[in-house]
Amino acid sequence: MALGEGAGKPLAKYAAWRRAGDFIFLSGIIPVNPQTATIVRGYDDIPEAAQRLLGRSGEFSTDIKEGPILAQSWYVLESIRATIESAGGQMSDVFKLVQYFRNLDHFPHYSRVRKQFFPDAPPVSTVVQVSEMLPSPDVLIEVEATAWLPQ
């Protein structure tokens, strides 16, 4: 993801984000690059620096098991960061996250990644397991965010 892209153009007919007074509401962000309509499926789909940050081991069995959720978590949170910054804010302005998982066993992996984006105090959170996500079963996570950003 290039810096400043943010959530990009939605893959359907809805707003990626909207300001309402001092609040910024982000639609649920999934690990899909909106410019290419490709799903982040693992480490190879994110920048090398992010791979190192997430702990890519080079061990096939470990990377194939943990890589998809770690890479998708990073991509979604990086998209949120870029979108909030494009609106003039920063991640510390995000006060609420709603996280949807296909498998709640992925939450500890996601939580490790989230700590890198919110090192001081995490936002209030809701975590939900869902049976399916669009556009594909390869999508493991979706996150929506709300930020307070006075005008």
Protein backbone atom coordinates (compact mmCIF):
# COMPACT_ATOMS: atom_id res chain seq x y z
CA MET A 1 0.00 0.00 0.00
CA ALA A 2 1.37 3.37 -0.94
CA LEU A 3 1.36 5.96 1.81
CA GLY A 4 -1.65 8.26 1.76
CA GLU A 5 -3.90 5.80 -0.10
CA GLY A 6 -6.05 5.14 2.93
CA ALA A 7 -9.02 2.90 2.51
CA GLY A 8 -9.12 3.85 -1.15
CA LYS A 9 -12.17 3.58 -3.35
CA PRO A 10 -14.67 1.08 -1.93
CA LEU A 11 -15.21 -2.17 -3.80
CA ALA A 12 -18.97 -1.50 -3.82
CA LYS A 13 -21.25 1.56 -3.68
CA TYR A 14 -20.69 2.94 -0.18
CA ALA A 15 -18.49 5.58 1.45
CA ALA A 16 -15.13 4.32 2.72
CA TRP A 17 -15.36 6.92 5.48
CA ARG A 18 -17.39 9.93 6.46
CA ARG A 19 -16.99 12.88 8.82
CA ALA A 20 -19.88 13.76 11.12
CA GLY A 21 -18.96 16.81 13.17
CA ASP A 22 -15.85 15.96 15.15
CA PHE A 23 -16.10 12.24 14.39
CA ILE A 24 -14.66 10.16 11.56
CA PHE A 25 -16.50 6.89 10.85
CA LEU A 26 -14.72 4.28 8.76
CA SER A 27 -16.62 1.53 6.99
CA GLY A 28 -15.35 -1.95 7.70
CA ILE A 29 -11.95 -2.37 6.07
CA ILE A 30 -11.00 -5.76 4.68
CA PRO A 31 -7.57 -6.93 3.48
CA VAL A 32 -8.21 -6.15 -0.17
CA ASN A 33 -6.18 -3.67 -2.16
CA PRO A 34 -8.92 -1.50 -3.72
CA GLN A 35 -6.65 -0.33 -6.55
CA THR A 36 -6.01 -3.88 -7.79
CA ALA A 37 -8.96 -5.74 -6.19
CA THR A 38 -6.53 -8.36 -4.85
CA ILE A 39 -6.83 -10.05 -1.48
CA VAL A 40 -3.88 -10.00 0.93
CA ARG A 41 -3.32 -13.73 1.44
CA GLY A 42 0.00 -13.76 3.30
CA TYR A 43 3.39 -12.21 3.87
CA ASP A 44 4.22 -11.95 0.16
CA ASP A 45 1.37 -9.43 -0.26
CA ILE A 46 2.70 -6.83 2.21
CA PRO A 47 5.94 -4.78 2.24
CA GLU A 48 9.12 -6.50 3.36
CA ALA A 49 9.51 -4.11 6.31
CA ALA A 50 6.05 -5.14 7.56
CA GLN A 51 6.95 -8.82 7.12
CA ARG A 52 9.99 -8.34 9.37
CA LEU A 53 7.96 -6.34 11.90
CA LEU A 54 5.40 -9.16 12.10
CA GLY A 55 8.07 -11.80 12.59
CA ARG A 56 8.13 -13.71 9.32
CA SER A 57 10.22 -16.72 10.28
CA GLY A 58 11.13 -18.22 6.92
CA GLU A 59 9.81 -21.54 8.22
CA PHE A 60 7.18 -22.67 5.75
CA SER A 61 4.81 -24.34 8.23
CA THR A 62 4.85 -21.41 10.67
CA ASP A 63 4.56 -18.73 8.00
CA ILE A 64 1.76 -20.54 6.17
CA LYS A 65 -0.26 -20.88 9.41
CA GLU A 66 0.31 -17.43 10.91
CA GLY A 67 1.13 -15.39 7.80
CA PRO A 68 -2.39 -14.92 6.45
CA ILE A 69 -3.93 -13.47 9.63
CA LEU A 70 -0.83 -11.44 10.53
CA ALA A 71 -0.53 -9.96 7.04
CA GLN A 72 -4.26 -9.26 6.81
CA SER A 73 -4.27 -7.68 10.28
CA TRP A 74 -1.35 -5.43 9.34
CA TYR A 75 -2.94 -4.45 6.02
CA VAL A 76 -6.28 -3.55 7.59
CA LEU A 77 -4.73 -1.52 10.42
CA GLU A 78 -2.33 0.18 8.01
CA SER A 79 -5.33 1.10 5.84
CA ILE A 80 -7.06 2.58 8.90
CA ARG A 81 -3.90 4.53 9.78
CA ALA A 82 -3.56 5.92 6.25
CA THR A 83 -7.24 6.86 6.10
CA ILE A 84 -7.20 8.61 9.49
CA GLU A 85 -4.04 10.49 8.50
CA SER A 86 -5.61 11.54 5.17
CA ALA A 87 -8.42 13.08 7.25
CA GLY A 88 -5.83 15.00 9.30
CA GLY A 89 -5.64 12.71 12.33
CA GLN A 90 -3.47 10.00 13.81
CA MET A 91 -4.03 6.55 15.24
CA SER A 92 -4.28 7.92 18.78
CA ASP A 93 -7.49 9.69 17.62
CA VAL A 94 -9.12 6.29 17.03
CA PHE A 95 -11.17 5.46 20.12
CA LYS A 96 -13.39 2.58 18.95
CA LEU A 97 -12.77 -0.55 16.87
CA VAL A 98 -15.20 -3.27 15.87
CA GLN A 99 -13.30 -6.36 14.74
CA TYR A 100 -14.92 -9.19 12.81
CA PHE A 101 -13.16 -12.55 12.53
CA ARG A 102 -13.96 -15.72 10.63
CA ASN A 103 -12.16 -17.59 13.43
CA LEU A 104 -11.77 -16.19 16.95
CA ASP A 105 -8.56 -18.23 17.31
CA HIS A 106 -7.01 -15.51 15.11
CA PHE A 107 -7.64 -12.80 17.71
CA PRO A 108 -4.33 -13.29 19.63
CA HIS A 109 -2.37 -12.87 16.37
CA TYR A 110 -4.36 -9.76 15.47
CA SER A 111 -3.89 -8.40 18.99
CA ARG A 112 -0.09 -8.60 18.59
CA VAL A 113 -0.33 -6.54 15.41
CA ARG A 114 -2.80 -4.06 16.92
CA LYS A 115 -0.32 -3.29 19.73
CA GLN A 116 2.11 -2.01 17.10
CA PHE A 117 -0.47 0.51 15.88
CA PHE A 118 -1.73 1.44 19.37
CA PRO A 119 1.36 1.13 21.62
CA ASP A 120 0.03 3.24 24.48
CA ALA A 121 -3.66 2.65 25.03
CA PRO A 122 -5.78 0.47 22.74
CA PRO A 123 -9.18 1.77 21.66
CA VAL A 124 -12.34 0.35 23.15
CA SER A 125 -13.20 -2.77 21.21
CA THR A 126 -15.86 -5.17 20.15
CA VAL A 127 -14.84 -8.57 18.76
CA VAL A 128 -17.28 -10.69 16.78
CA GLN A 129 -16.96 -14.02 15.00
CA VAL A 130 -18.86 -14.25 11.72
CA SER A 131 -19.52 -17.17 9.42
CA GLU A 132 -18.59 -15.47 6.17
CA MET A 133 -17.11 -12.27 4.73
CA LEU A 134 -17.21 -10.70 1.31
CA PRO A 135 -15.77 -11.05 -1.23
CA SER A 136 -14.15 -14.42 -0.52
CA PRO A 137 -13.50 -17.07 2.13
CA ASP A 138 -9.85 -15.89 2.01
CA VAL A 139 -10.86 -12.73 3.91
CA LEU A 140 -10.25 -13.54 7.58
CA ILE A 141 -10.81 -10.13 9.19
CA GLU A 142 -12.71 -6.87 8.83
CA VAL A 143 -12.27 -3.85 11.09
CA GLU A 144 -14.32 -0.68 11.36
CA ALA A 145 -13.04 2.32 13.27
CA THR A 146 -14.34 5.53 14.81
CA ALA A 147 -12.08 8.48 15.58
CA TRP A 148 -12.58 11.77 17.35
CA LEU A 149 -10.96 14.52 15.32
CA PRO A 150 -12.10 18.05 16.20
CA GLN A 151 -12.36 20.34 13.18
